[in-house]
Amino acid sequence: MEMRKVKVFTTPACAFCVMAKEWLRLKGVEYEEKDVADDMDARQELVEVSGQMGVPVITVDDEVVVGFNQTQLEALLTEN
């Protein structure tokens, strides 16, 4: 699988964030975690890329996935 630049915008209390990160780990996908609860820069980046404050938001290269959408993530991670 080609390496993609993956970021997960998350908060510690977000159950869907935990599920998304576990799913990525099981798929062997490396990702950068951005905790928007404590990091103002991460919060600003979240708003810039997604236009919202809800988490999880996952970026795969330049594509934005709002929420934990396994089908959309699978498609983005496996496309050439």
Protein backbone atom coordinates (compact mmCIF):
# COMPACT_ATOMS: atom_id res chain seq x y z
CA MET A 1 0.00 0.00 0.00
CA GLU A 2 1.33 3.41 -0.95
CA MET A 3 2.13 5.68 1.99
CA ARG A 4 -0.36 8.47 2.43
CA LYS A 5 -0.08 11.43 4.76
CA VAL A 6 -2.82 10.79 7.32
CA LYS A 7 -3.86 13.09 10.17
CA VAL A 8 -6.50 12.38 12.78
CA PHE A 9 -8.04 15.37 14.55
CA THR A 10 -9.31 14.07 17.87
CA THR A 11 -10.19 14.73 21.50
CA PRO A 12 -9.54 12.38 24.45
CA ALA A 13 -13.27 11.91 25.16
CA CYS A 14 -14.29 11.05 21.57
CA ALA A 15 -15.36 7.39 21.23
CA PHE A 16 -15.46 7.54 17.42
CA CYS A 17 -11.92 8.96 17.46
CA VAL A 18 -10.72 5.95 19.45
CA MET A 19 -12.46 3.60 17.00
CA ALA A 20 -10.96 5.41 14.01
CA LYS A 21 -7.43 5.32 15.43
CA GLU A 22 -7.76 1.61 16.27
CA TRP A 23 -9.05 0.87 12.76
CA LEU A 24 -6.09 2.73 11.23
CA ARG A 25 -3.67 0.82 13.51
CA LEU A 26 -5.22 -2.51 12.49
CA LYS A 27 -4.82 -1.51 8.83
CA GLY A 28 -1.15 -0.67 9.46
CA VAL A 29 -1.67 2.99 8.57
CA GLU A 30 0.69 5.47 10.18
CA TYR A 31 -0.96 8.73 11.17
CA GLU A 32 -0.32 11.98 12.96
CA GLU A 33 -2.69 12.62 15.85
CA LYS A 34 -3.85 16.19 16.49
CA ASP A 35 -5.56 16.67 19.88
CA VAL A 36 -7.82 19.69 19.37
CA ALA A 37 -8.85 19.72 23.05
CA ASP A 38 -5.52 21.11 24.24
CA ASP A 39 -3.79 22.36 21.07
CA MET A 40 -5.03 25.71 19.73
CA ASP A 41 -2.98 25.35 16.52
CA ALA A 42 -4.53 21.93 15.87
CA ARG A 43 -7.99 23.39 16.53
CA GLN A 44 -7.34 26.18 14.01
CA GLU A 45 -6.06 23.65 11.44
CA LEU A 46 -9.19 21.54 11.98
CA VAL A 47 -11.44 24.50 11.21
CA GLU A 48 -9.35 25.43 8.17
CA VAL A 49 -9.46 21.94 6.61
CA SER A 50 -13.01 20.94 7.54
CA GLY A 51 -14.92 24.13 8.34
CA GLN A 52 -16.12 22.69 11.64
CA MET A 53 -15.14 21.79 15.21
CA GLY A 54 -16.55 18.25 15.36
CA VAL A 55 -14.23 15.26 15.60
CA PRO A 56 -13.05 12.94 14.31
CA VAL A 57 -11.87 14.55 11.13
CA ILE A 58 -9.34 12.50 9.21
CA THR A 59 -7.27 13.81 6.33
CA VAL A 60 -5.69 11.51 3.77
CA ASP A 61 -3.30 13.64 1.76
CA ASP A 62 -5.58 16.52 0.69
CA GLU A 63 -8.88 14.66 1.12
CA VAL A 64 -11.01 15.33 4.20
CA VAL A 65 -13.17 12.68 5.87
CA VAL A 66 -15.61 14.03 8.46
CA GLY A 67 -16.49 11.40 11.03
CA PHE A 68 -15.35 7.79 11.10
CA ASN A 69 -16.39 6.68 7.60
CA GLN A 70 -14.65 3.34 7.03
CA THR A 71 -15.85 3.01 3.43
CA GLN A 72 -14.54 6.43 2.45
CA LEU A 73 -11.25 5.90 4.31
CA GLU A 74 -10.72 2.48 2.72
CA ALA A 75 -11.25 3.99 -0.73
CA LEU A 76 -8.83 6.86 -0.10
CA LEU A 77 -6.16 4.62 1.42
CA THR A 78 -6.24 2.08 -1.41
CA GLU A 79 -6.56 4.33 -4.47
CA ASN A 80 -3.49 4.77 -6.64
